[in-house]
């Protein structure tokens, strides 16, 4: 599975009205019937998406969306939610996190009363567990599929964010509003 096929699979799981659980079932079914190497590729590509999304610039955007409550775990799961939006939205957010202010799903969330329902939160923690569950059920995977990827391919899989663009870490609200005008316009009430 190359990176284009990875994104095509993730995007194929999304259609109007689908829940996260239904998307996970779709991915589970496809990965269960895939070649062993494709399952390992999926895990590797999913982990690789974290590298581009591992910035305080993006973390700050997630914090705006979450009303100032985006901790380490929340940001980790937000990165998976971002993957779930698809390649175009993901790439745009990496280049300019404020571009999330143009995403229809983000506009929908801005209009919802709080607290949000479980499926509305900006996280998709269980996305990375789909491949793990498939791996556990397969006889050609010995142990945790993430460990197999690390051992067989020598790939370091990221489990915690550790951005190095620290200049974005401590911004006052006026500077955040200036750097993220679209997101701030949608979510500023939640950040006061």
N, C-alpha and C. Protein backbone atom coordinates (compact mmCIF):
# COMPACT_ATOMS: atom_id res chain seq x y z
N UNK A 1 0.85 -1.17 0.00
CA UNK A 1 0.00 0.00 0.00
C UNK A 1 0.90 1.24 0.00
N UNK A 2 0.81 2.01 -1.05
CA UNK A 2 1.58 3.25 -1.07
C UNK A 2 0.78 4.35 -0.38
N UNK A 3 1.36 5.52 -0.25
CA UNK A 3 0.72 6.60 0.50
C UNK A 3 -0.58 7.05 -0.17
N UNK A 4 -0.63 7.02 -1.50
CA UNK A 4 -1.87 7.39 -2.20
C UNK A 4 -2.98 6.39 -1.89
N UNK A 5 -2.63 5.12 -1.84
CA UNK A 5 -3.62 4.09 -1.51
C UNK A 5 -4.07 4.20 -0.05
N UNK A 6 -3.15 4.57 0.83
CA UNK A 6 -3.50 4.80 2.23
C UNK A 6 -4.57 5.89 2.33
N UNK A 7 -4.30 7.04 1.69
CA UNK A 7 -5.26 8.14 1.75
C UNK A 7 -6.58 7.76 1.09
N UNK A 8 -6.52 7.03 -0.01
CA UNK A 8 -7.75 6.61 -0.70
C UNK A 8 -8.59 5.72 0.22
N UNK A 9 -7.94 4.84 0.97
CA UNK A 9 -8.66 3.97 1.89
C UNK A 9 -9.32 4.77 3.01
N UNK A 10 -8.57 5.68 3.62
CA UNK A 10 -9.13 6.51 4.69
C UNK A 10 -10.31 7.32 4.15
N UNK A 11 -10.15 7.92 2.99
CA UNK A 11 -11.22 8.75 2.42
C UNK A 11 -12.42 7.92 1.99
N UNK A 12 -12.19 6.68 1.55
CA UNK A 12 -13.30 5.81 1.15
C UNK A 12 -14.18 5.45 2.34
N UNK A 13 -13.63 5.54 3.55
CA UNK A 13 -14.41 5.20 4.74
C UNK A 13 -15.39 6.30 5.11
N UNK A 14 -15.26 7.46 4.50
CA UNK A 14 -16.11 8.61 4.84
C UNK A 14 -17.17 8.85 3.77
N UNK A 15 -18.37 8.99 4.22
CA UNK A 15 -19.47 9.41 3.34
C UNK A 15 -20.50 10.09 4.23
N UNK A 16 -21.38 10.90 3.68
CA UNK A 16 -22.33 11.66 4.50
C UNK A 16 -23.12 10.77 5.46
N UNK A 17 -23.14 11.19 6.71
CA UNK A 17 -23.92 10.49 7.72
C UNK A 17 -23.23 9.32 8.39
N UNK A 18 -22.04 8.96 7.95
CA UNK A 18 -21.34 7.81 8.54
C UNK A 18 -20.79 8.19 9.92
N UNK A 19 -20.84 7.24 10.84
CA UNK A 19 -20.27 7.46 12.17
C UNK A 19 -18.82 7.00 12.19
N UNK A 20 -18.10 7.37 13.21
CA UNK A 20 -16.72 6.89 13.35
C UNK A 20 -16.69 5.37 13.46
N UNK A 21 -17.63 4.82 14.20
CA UNK A 21 -17.67 3.36 14.36
C UNK A 21 -17.87 2.67 13.02
N UNK A 22 -18.71 3.24 12.17
CA UNK A 22 -18.94 2.66 10.85
C UNK A 22 -17.69 2.80 9.98
N UNK A 23 -17.00 3.93 10.11
CA UNK A 23 -15.75 4.10 9.36
C UNK A 23 -14.72 3.07 9.82
N UNK A 24 -14.64 2.86 11.12
CA UNK A 24 -13.69 1.89 11.66
C UNK A 24 -14.03 0.48 11.18
N UNK A 25 -15.32 0.15 11.14
CA UNK A 25 -15.73 -1.17 10.65
C UNK A 25 -15.33 -1.34 9.19
N UNK A 26 -15.51 -0.30 8.39
CA UNK A 26 -15.11 -0.34 6.99
C UNK A 26 -13.61 -0.59 6.87
N UNK A 27 -12.81 0.18 7.62
CA UNK A 27 -11.35 0.02 7.56
C UNK A 27 -10.93 -1.35 8.09
N UNK A 28 -11.56 -1.78 9.16
CA UNK A 28 -11.26 -3.09 9.73
C UNK A 28 -11.47 -4.18 8.69
N UNK A 29 -12.60 -4.12 8.00
CA UNK A 29 -12.91 -5.12 6.99
C UNK A 29 -11.88 -5.11 5.86
N UNK A 30 -11.53 -3.92 5.38
CA UNK A 30 -10.56 -3.83 4.28
C UNK A 30 -9.18 -4.33 4.70
N UNK A 31 -8.77 -3.94 5.91
CA UNK A 31 -7.44 -4.35 6.38
C UNK A 31 -7.40 -5.84 6.72
N UNK A 32 -8.50 -6.37 7.20
CA UNK A 32 -8.57 -7.80 7.54
C UNK A 32 -8.35 -8.66 6.30
N UNK A 33 -8.79 -8.17 5.16
CA UNK A 33 -8.66 -8.93 3.92
C UNK A 33 -7.44 -8.50 3.09
N UNK A 34 -6.64 -7.62 3.64
CA UNK A 34 -5.48 -7.14 2.89
C UNK A 34 -4.27 -8.04 3.10
N UNK A 35 -3.29 -7.84 2.25
CA UNK A 35 -2.02 -8.54 2.42
C UNK A 35 -1.34 -8.07 3.71
N UNK A 36 -0.53 -8.90 4.30
CA UNK A 36 0.20 -8.54 5.52
C UNK A 36 0.98 -7.25 5.32
N UNK A 37 1.66 -7.15 4.19
CA UNK A 37 2.48 -5.95 3.93
C UNK A 37 1.61 -4.70 3.86
N UNK A 38 0.38 -4.82 3.36
CA UNK A 38 -0.51 -3.66 3.31
C UNK A 38 -0.95 -3.22 4.70
N UNK A 39 -1.17 -4.17 5.59
CA UNK A 39 -1.51 -3.83 6.97
C UNK A 39 -0.34 -3.08 7.63
N UNK A 40 0.87 -3.59 7.44
CA UNK A 40 2.05 -2.91 7.99
C UNK A 40 2.22 -1.53 7.37
N UNK A 41 1.97 -1.43 6.07
CA UNK A 41 2.05 -0.13 5.38
C UNK A 41 1.05 0.85 5.97
N UNK A 42 -0.16 0.39 6.23
CA UNK A 42 -1.19 1.26 6.79
C UNK A 42 -0.71 1.84 8.11
N UNK A 43 -0.20 0.99 8.98
CA UNK A 43 0.31 1.44 10.28
C UNK A 43 1.45 2.46 10.08
N UNK A 44 2.34 2.16 9.18
CA UNK A 44 3.48 3.04 8.93
C UNK A 44 3.03 4.39 8.37
N UNK A 45 2.11 4.38 7.41
CA UNK A 45 1.61 5.64 6.83
C UNK A 45 0.83 6.45 7.87
N UNK A 46 0.02 5.78 8.68
CA UNK A 46 -0.74 6.49 9.69
C UNK A 46 0.20 7.17 10.68
N UNK A 47 1.24 6.48 11.09
CA UNK A 47 2.21 7.08 11.99
C UNK A 47 2.94 8.25 11.32
N UNK A 48 3.26 8.09 10.06
CA UNK A 48 3.98 9.15 9.33
C UNK A 48 3.17 10.43 9.23
N UNK A 49 1.84 10.30 9.23
CA UNK A 49 1.02 11.52 9.17
C UNK A 49 1.25 12.40 10.40
N UNK A 50 1.64 11.77 11.49
CA UNK A 50 1.88 12.53 12.71
C UNK A 50 3.06 13.49 12.57
N UNK A 51 4.05 13.11 11.78
CA UNK A 51 5.25 13.95 11.69
C UNK A 51 4.93 15.35 11.18
N UNK A 52 4.18 15.43 10.11
CA UNK A 52 3.82 16.74 9.59
C UNK A 52 2.88 17.51 10.49
N UNK A 53 2.08 16.80 11.26
CA UNK A 53 1.10 17.42 12.14
C UNK A 53 1.64 17.70 13.53
N UNK A 54 2.90 17.43 13.75
CA UNK A 54 3.49 17.54 15.07
C UNK A 54 4.13 18.92 15.28
N UNK A 55 3.27 19.93 15.29
CA UNK A 55 3.76 21.30 15.48
C UNK A 55 2.90 22.03 16.51
N UNK A 56 3.53 22.94 17.23
CA UNK A 56 2.75 23.78 18.13
C UNK A 56 1.82 24.70 17.34
N UNK A 57 2.19 25.02 16.12
CA UNK A 57 1.32 25.81 15.25
C UNK A 57 -0.03 25.13 15.09
N UNK A 58 0.00 23.84 14.82
CA UNK A 58 -1.25 23.08 14.66
C UNK A 58 -1.89 22.81 16.02
N UNK A 59 -1.08 22.57 17.02
CA UNK A 59 -1.60 22.34 18.37
C UNK A 59 -2.39 23.55 18.83
N UNK A 60 -1.89 24.74 18.54
CA UNK A 60 -2.60 25.97 18.92
C UNK A 60 -3.97 26.03 18.23
N UNK A 61 -4.02 25.63 16.96
CA UNK A 61 -5.31 25.60 16.25
C UNK A 61 -6.26 24.62 16.93
N UNK A 62 -5.76 23.44 17.30
CA UNK A 62 -6.59 22.46 18.00
C UNK A 62 -7.08 23.01 19.32
N UNK A 63 -6.22 23.75 20.00
CA UNK A 63 -6.59 24.36 21.28
C UNK A 63 -7.72 25.37 21.10
N UNK A 64 -7.68 26.13 20.03
CA UNK A 64 -8.76 27.08 19.74
C UNK A 64 -10.07 26.31 19.54
N UNK A 65 -10.01 25.27 18.72
CA UNK A 65 -11.20 24.47 18.43
C UNK A 65 -11.77 23.81 19.68
N UNK A 66 -10.91 23.48 20.62
CA UNK A 66 -11.35 22.77 21.83
C UNK A 66 -11.54 23.70 23.02
N UNK A 67 -11.66 24.98 22.74
CA UNK A 67 -11.95 25.92 23.82
C UNK A 67 -10.84 26.08 24.83
N UNK A 68 -9.59 25.90 24.40
CA UNK A 68 -8.45 26.07 25.29
C UNK A 68 -8.13 24.84 26.12
N UNK A 69 -8.66 23.68 25.72
CA UNK A 69 -8.47 22.47 26.52
C UNK A 69 -7.85 21.33 25.71
N UNK A 70 -6.80 21.62 24.98
CA UNK A 70 -6.15 20.58 24.18
C UNK A 70 -4.81 20.22 24.80
N UNK A 71 -4.82 19.14 25.58
CA UNK A 71 -3.60 18.66 26.20
C UNK A 71 -2.85 17.71 25.28
N UNK A 72 -1.84 17.06 25.82
CA UNK A 72 -0.99 16.17 25.04
C UNK A 72 -1.77 15.03 24.40
N UNK A 73 -2.56 14.31 25.19
CA UNK A 73 -3.34 13.21 24.63
C UNK A 73 -4.36 13.72 23.63
N UNK A 74 -5.01 14.82 23.97
CA UNK A 74 -6.02 15.39 23.06
C UNK A 74 -5.41 15.76 21.72
N UNK A 75 -4.22 16.31 21.74
CA UNK A 75 -3.57 16.68 20.47
C UNK A 75 -3.19 15.44 19.68
N UNK A 76 -2.74 14.42 20.36
CA UNK A 76 -2.40 13.16 19.70
C UNK A 76 -3.63 12.61 18.97
N UNK A 77 -4.78 12.62 19.63
CA UNK A 77 -6.01 12.10 19.03
C UNK A 77 -6.58 13.07 17.99
N UNK A 78 -6.33 14.37 18.18
CA UNK A 78 -6.73 15.36 17.19
C UNK A 78 -6.02 15.10 15.86
N UNK A 79 -4.76 14.71 15.93
CA UNK A 79 -4.02 14.41 14.70
C UNK A 79 -4.70 13.30 13.92
N UNK A 80 -5.24 12.30 14.59
CA UNK A 80 -5.96 11.21 13.91
C UNK A 80 -7.27 11.73 13.33
N UNK A 81 -7.95 12.63 14.05
CA UNK A 81 -9.17 13.25 13.55
C UNK A 81 -8.86 14.03 12.27
N UNK A 82 -7.75 14.72 12.28
CA UNK A 82 -7.32 15.48 11.11
C UNK A 82 -7.09 14.55 9.92
N UNK A 83 -6.48 13.40 10.14
CA UNK A 83 -6.32 12.41 9.06
C UNK A 83 -7.69 12.01 8.53
N UNK A 84 -8.64 11.84 9.43
CA UNK A 84 -9.98 11.44 9.04
C UNK A 84 -10.69 12.44 8.15
N UNK A 85 -10.24 13.71 8.18
CA UNK A 85 -10.83 14.72 7.30
C UNK A 85 -10.43 14.50 5.84
N UNK A 86 -9.37 13.74 5.62
CA UNK A 86 -8.90 13.47 4.26
C UNK A 86 -7.63 14.23 3.94
N UNK A 87 -7.02 13.81 2.87
CA UNK A 87 -5.70 14.31 2.50
C UNK A 87 -5.67 15.81 2.22
N UNK A 88 -6.67 16.33 1.52
CA UNK A 88 -6.65 17.76 1.18
C UNK A 88 -6.74 18.63 2.42
N UNK A 89 -7.71 18.32 3.30
CA UNK A 89 -7.86 19.11 4.52
C UNK A 89 -6.64 18.95 5.42
N UNK A 90 -6.12 17.73 5.50
CA UNK A 90 -4.92 17.47 6.31
C UNK A 90 -3.74 18.30 5.78
N UNK A 91 -3.50 18.23 4.48
CA UNK A 91 -2.36 18.96 3.89
C UNK A 91 -2.52 20.46 4.05
N UNK A 92 -3.73 20.95 3.86
CA UNK A 92 -3.98 22.39 4.03
C UNK A 92 -3.72 22.81 5.47
N UNK A 93 -4.15 21.99 6.43
CA UNK A 93 -3.95 22.33 7.84
C UNK A 93 -2.48 22.30 8.23
N UNK A 94 -1.72 21.41 7.63
CA UNK A 94 -0.28 21.37 7.90
C UNK A 94 0.36 22.66 7.38
N UNK A 95 -0.02 23.07 6.18
CA UNK A 95 0.55 24.29 5.59
C UNK A 95 0.08 25.54 6.31
N UNK A 96 -1.20 25.56 6.71
CA UNK A 96 -1.80 26.73 7.38
C UNK A 96 -2.91 26.24 8.30
N UNK A 97 -2.61 26.06 9.59
CA UNK A 97 -3.61 25.53 10.51
C UNK A 97 -4.92 26.32 10.53
N UNK A 98 -4.86 27.61 10.25
CA UNK A 98 -6.09 28.41 10.23
C UNK A 98 -7.01 28.01 9.08
N UNK A 99 -6.49 27.25 8.10
CA UNK A 99 -7.33 26.78 7.01
C UNK A 99 -8.44 25.86 7.51
N UNK A 100 -8.28 25.31 8.72
CA UNK A 100 -9.36 24.49 9.29
C UNK A 100 -10.65 25.29 9.42
N UNK A 101 -10.51 26.61 9.46
CA UNK A 101 -11.69 27.48 9.52
C UNK A 101 -12.52 27.45 8.26
N UNK A 102 -12.03 26.82 7.20
CA UNK A 102 -12.79 26.69 5.95
C UNK A 102 -13.40 25.31 5.78
N UNK A 103 -13.13 24.40 6.69
CA UNK A 103 -13.59 23.02 6.59
C UNK A 103 -15.06 22.94 7.05
N UNK A 104 -15.94 22.38 6.21
CA UNK A 104 -17.36 22.30 6.59
C UNK A 104 -17.61 21.63 7.94
N UNK A 105 -16.87 20.58 8.27
CA UNK A 105 -17.04 19.90 9.55
C UNK A 105 -16.74 20.85 10.71
N UNK A 106 -15.75 21.69 10.56
CA UNK A 106 -15.39 22.65 11.61
C UNK A 106 -16.49 23.70 11.74
N UNK A 107 -17.05 24.16 10.62
CA UNK A 107 -18.17 25.11 10.67
C UNK A 107 -19.37 24.48 11.37
N UNK A 108 -19.64 23.22 11.09
CA UNK A 108 -20.75 22.52 11.74
C UNK A 108 -20.54 22.48 13.25
N UNK A 109 -19.32 22.17 13.67
CA UNK A 109 -19.02 22.10 15.09
C UNK A 109 -19.16 23.45 15.78
N UNK A 110 -18.80 24.51 15.07
CA UNK A 110 -18.90 25.85 15.66
C UNK A 110 -20.34 26.21 15.98
N UNK A 111 -21.28 25.63 15.27
CA UNK A 111 -22.69 25.93 15.48
C UNK A 111 -23.36 25.04 16.53
N UNK A 112 -22.71 23.96 16.91
CA UNK A 112 -23.31 23.03 17.86
C UNK A 112 -23.24 23.56 19.28
N UNK A 113 -24.30 23.31 20.07
CA UNK A 113 -24.22 23.67 21.49
C UNK A 113 -23.27 22.73 22.22
N UNK A 114 -22.68 23.24 23.28
CA UNK A 114 -21.78 22.42 24.08
C UNK A 114 -22.53 21.94 25.30
N UNK A 115 -22.23 20.80 25.81
CA UNK A 115 -21.17 19.91 25.38
C UNK A 115 -21.56 19.16 24.10
N UNK A 116 -20.55 18.87 23.29
CA UNK A 116 -20.76 18.12 22.06
C UNK A 116 -21.06 16.66 22.39
N UNK A 117 -21.65 15.98 21.43
CA UNK A 117 -21.85 14.54 21.53
C UNK A 117 -20.50 13.85 21.30
N UNK A 118 -20.36 12.61 21.71
CA UNK A 118 -19.08 11.90 21.61
C UNK A 118 -18.49 11.93 20.19
N UNK A 119 -19.31 11.68 19.18
CA UNK A 119 -18.81 11.64 17.80
C UNK A 119 -18.44 13.01 17.25
N UNK A 120 -18.79 14.07 17.99
CA UNK A 120 -18.48 15.42 17.52
C UNK A 120 -17.11 15.90 17.98
N UNK A 121 -16.55 15.27 19.00
CA UNK A 121 -15.26 15.75 19.50
C UNK A 121 -14.18 15.59 18.46
N UNK A 122 -13.21 16.47 18.53
CA UNK A 122 -12.14 16.55 17.54
C UNK A 122 -11.03 15.56 17.87
N UNK A 123 -11.41 14.32 17.96
CA UNK A 123 -10.42 13.27 18.18
C UNK A 123 -10.90 12.00 17.51
N UNK A 124 -9.95 11.18 17.15
CA UNK A 124 -10.29 9.87 16.60
C UNK A 124 -9.23 8.89 17.11
N UNK A 125 -9.19 8.77 18.43
CA UNK A 125 -8.22 7.91 19.08
C UNK A 125 -8.26 6.49 18.52
N UNK A 126 -9.45 5.98 18.31
CA UNK A 126 -9.59 4.58 17.92
C UNK A 126 -9.16 4.30 16.49
N UNK A 127 -8.87 5.33 15.69
CA UNK A 127 -8.39 5.07 14.33
C UNK A 127 -7.11 4.25 14.36
N UNK A 128 -6.19 4.58 15.25
CA UNK A 128 -4.94 3.84 15.27
C UNK A 128 -5.09 2.45 15.87
N UNK A 129 -6.22 2.17 16.53
CA UNK A 129 -6.44 0.84 17.09
C UNK A 129 -7.03 -0.13 16.08
N UNK A 130 -7.57 0.39 14.99
CA UNK A 130 -8.18 -0.48 13.98
C UNK A 130 -7.15 -1.51 13.49
N UNK A 131 -5.98 -1.04 13.08
CA UNK A 131 -4.95 -1.94 12.58
C UNK A 131 -4.46 -2.88 13.68
N UNK A 132 -4.43 -2.39 14.92
CA UNK A 132 -4.01 -3.25 16.04
C UNK A 132 -4.98 -4.40 16.22
N UNK A 133 -6.28 -4.11 16.15
CA UNK A 133 -7.29 -5.16 16.30
C UNK A 133 -7.19 -6.18 15.16
N UNK A 134 -6.97 -5.68 13.96
CA UNK A 134 -6.81 -6.59 12.81
C UNK A 134 -5.57 -7.46 13.02
N UNK A 135 -4.48 -6.83 13.44
CA UNK A 135 -3.24 -7.57 13.66
C UNK A 135 -3.39 -8.66 14.71
N UNK A 136 -4.13 -8.37 15.79
CA UNK A 136 -4.35 -9.36 16.84
C UNK A 136 -5.09 -10.59 16.33
N UNK A 137 -5.94 -10.38 15.33
CA UNK A 137 -6.76 -11.48 14.82
C UNK A 137 -6.06 -12.27 13.71
N UNK A 138 -4.93 -11.79 13.25
CA UNK A 138 -4.25 -12.44 12.13
C UNK A 138 -3.14 -13.36 12.64
N UNK A 139 -3.03 -14.51 12.02
CA UNK A 139 -1.98 -15.45 12.42
C UNK A 139 -0.61 -15.07 11.86
N UNK A 140 -0.59 -14.16 10.86
CA UNK A 140 0.70 -13.77 10.27
C UNK A 140 1.31 -12.54 10.94
N UNK A 141 0.71 -12.10 12.05
CA UNK A 141 1.26 -10.98 12.84
C UNK A 141 1.53 -11.53 14.24
N UNK A 142 2.77 -11.51 14.63
CA UNK A 142 3.14 -12.02 15.96
C UNK A 142 3.25 -10.85 16.92
N UNK A 143 2.21 -10.59 17.70
CA UNK A 143 2.22 -9.50 18.66
C UNK A 143 1.54 -8.26 18.13
N UNK A 144 1.85 -7.14 18.76
CA UNK A 144 1.28 -5.85 18.39
C UNK A 144 1.81 -5.44 17.02
N UNK A 145 0.91 -5.13 16.11
CA UNK A 145 1.30 -4.78 14.75
C UNK A 145 2.24 -3.57 14.72
N UNK A 146 2.10 -2.68 15.68
CA UNK A 146 2.99 -1.51 15.74
C UNK A 146 4.42 -1.94 16.07
N UNK A 147 4.55 -2.93 16.96
CA UNK A 147 5.87 -3.47 17.28
C UNK A 147 6.47 -4.18 16.08
N UNK A 148 5.64 -4.88 15.32
CA UNK A 148 6.11 -5.58 14.13
C UNK A 148 6.65 -4.57 13.12
N UNK A 149 5.94 -3.47 12.92
CA UNK A 149 6.41 -2.42 12.00
C UNK A 149 7.75 -1.88 12.48
N UNK A 150 7.85 -1.58 13.76
CA UNK A 150 9.11 -1.05 14.30
C UNK A 150 10.26 -2.03 14.14
N UNK A 151 10.02 -3.28 14.47
CA UNK A 151 11.08 -4.29 14.43
C UNK A 151 11.47 -4.66 13.00
N UNK A 152 10.48 -4.94 12.17
CA UNK A 152 10.78 -5.42 10.82
C UNK A 152 11.23 -4.31 9.87
N UNK A 153 10.72 -3.12 10.08
CA UNK A 153 11.01 -2.04 9.14
C UNK A 153 11.92 -0.97 9.73
N UNK A 154 12.22 -1.09 11.00
CA UNK A 154 13.09 -0.11 11.63
C UNK A 154 12.49 1.29 11.67
N UNK A 155 11.18 1.36 11.78
CA UNK A 155 10.47 2.63 11.77
C UNK A 155 10.11 3.02 13.19
N UNK A 156 10.45 4.22 13.58
CA UNK A 156 10.06 4.74 14.88
C UNK A 156 8.66 5.29 14.77
N UNK A 157 7.73 4.70 15.51
CA UNK A 157 6.34 5.15 15.50
C UNK A 157 6.14 6.15 16.62
N UNK A 158 5.50 7.26 16.30
CA UNK A 158 5.28 8.33 17.29
C UNK A 158 4.00 8.05 18.06
N UNK A 159 4.08 8.15 19.39
CA UNK A 159 2.91 7.97 20.23
C UNK A 159 2.60 9.22 21.05
N UNK A 160 3.52 10.14 21.17
CA UNK A 160 3.29 11.38 21.90
C UNK A 160 3.81 12.54 21.07
N UNK A 161 3.07 13.64 21.04
CA UNK A 161 3.57 14.80 20.32
C UNK A 161 4.75 15.42 21.05
N UNK A 162 5.68 15.92 20.28
CA UNK A 162 6.85 16.58 20.84
C UNK A 162 7.34 17.62 19.84
N UNK A 163 6.52 18.66 19.61
CA UNK A 163 6.89 19.67 18.61
C UNK A 163 8.13 20.44 19.01
N UNK A 164 8.81 20.98 18.00
CA UNK A 164 10.00 21.78 18.30
C UNK A 164 9.84 23.24 17.87
N UNK A 165 8.69 23.61 17.36
CA UNK A 165 8.47 25.01 16.97
C UNK A 165 7.93 25.79 18.17
N UNK A 166 8.76 25.92 19.21
CA UNK A 166 8.32 26.47 20.49
C UNK A 166 7.87 27.92 20.43
N UNK A 167 8.22 28.65 19.37
CA UNK A 167 7.79 30.04 19.28
C UNK A 167 6.26 30.16 19.21
N UNK A 168 5.58 29.06 18.91
CA UNK A 168 4.12 29.07 18.83
C UNK A 168 3.46 28.63 20.13
N UNK A 169 4.25 28.23 21.10
CA UNK A 169 3.71 27.64 22.32
C UNK A 169 3.00 28.66 23.21
N UNK A 170 3.63 29.79 23.47
CA UNK A 170 3.08 30.76 24.41
C UNK A 170 2.71 32.05 23.69
N UNK A 171 1.47 32.11 23.23
CA UNK A 171 0.97 33.30 22.56
C UNK A 171 -0.20 33.84 23.38
N UNK A 172 -0.27 35.17 23.53
CA UNK A 172 -1.43 35.71 24.23
C UNK A 172 -2.64 35.69 23.29
N UNK A 173 -3.82 35.92 23.82
CA UNK A 173 -5.04 35.77 23.03
C UNK A 173 -5.10 36.74 21.86
N UNK A 174 -4.54 37.94 22.00
CA UNK A 174 -4.53 38.89 20.89
C UNK A 174 -3.68 38.36 19.73
N UNK A 175 -2.54 37.75 20.06
CA UNK A 175 -1.68 37.20 19.02
C UNK A 175 -2.31 35.96 18.38
N UNK A 176 -2.97 35.15 19.18
CA UNK A 176 -3.67 33.98 18.64
C UNK A 176 -4.76 34.44 17.67
N UNK A 177 -5.52 35.44 18.06
CA UNK A 177 -6.58 35.97 17.19
C UNK A 177 -6.00 36.51 15.89
N UNK A 178 -4.84 37.12 15.96
CA UNK A 178 -4.20 37.66 14.75
C UNK A 178 -3.70 36.55 13.83
N UNK A 179 -3.12 35.50 14.41
CA UNK A 179 -2.53 34.43 13.60
C UNK A 179 -3.56 33.41 13.11
N UNK A 180 -4.71 33.34 13.76
CA UNK A 180 -5.75 32.37 13.40
C UNK A 180 -7.09 33.09 13.24
N UNK A 181 -7.20 34.02 12.31
CA UNK A 181 -8.42 34.83 12.24
C UNK A 181 -9.69 34.03 11.95
N UNK A 182 -9.62 33.03 11.08
CA UNK A 182 -10.84 32.26 10.75
C UNK A 182 -11.29 31.41 11.94
N UNK A 183 -10.34 30.71 12.55
CA UNK A 183 -10.71 29.88 13.70
C UNK A 183 -11.16 30.72 14.88
N UNK A 184 -10.48 31.83 15.09
CA UNK A 184 -10.84 32.70 16.21
C UNK A 184 -12.25 33.26 16.01
N UNK A 185 -12.60 33.62 14.80
CA UNK A 185 -13.94 34.14 14.52
C UNK A 185 -15.01 33.08 14.82
N UNK A 186 -14.70 31.82 14.54
CA UNK A 186 -15.67 30.74 14.80
C UNK A 186 -15.75 30.31 16.26
N UNK A 187 -14.60 30.33 16.96
CA UNK A 187 -14.53 29.72 18.29
C UNK A 187 -14.07 30.66 19.40
N UNK A 188 -13.99 31.95 19.17
CA UNK A 188 -13.42 32.85 20.17
C UNK A 188 -14.22 32.87 21.46
N UNK A 189 -15.52 32.71 21.41
CA UNK A 189 -16.32 32.69 22.64
C UNK A 189 -15.90 31.56 23.56
N UNK A 190 -15.54 30.43 23.01
CA UNK A 190 -15.12 29.28 23.82
C UNK A 190 -13.75 29.48 24.43
N UNK A 191 -12.99 30.47 23.95
CA UNK A 191 -11.62 30.68 24.41
C UNK A 191 -11.48 31.87 25.35
N UNK A 192 -12.58 32.42 25.78
CA UNK A 192 -12.50 33.59 26.68
C UNK A 192 -12.73 33.20 28.11
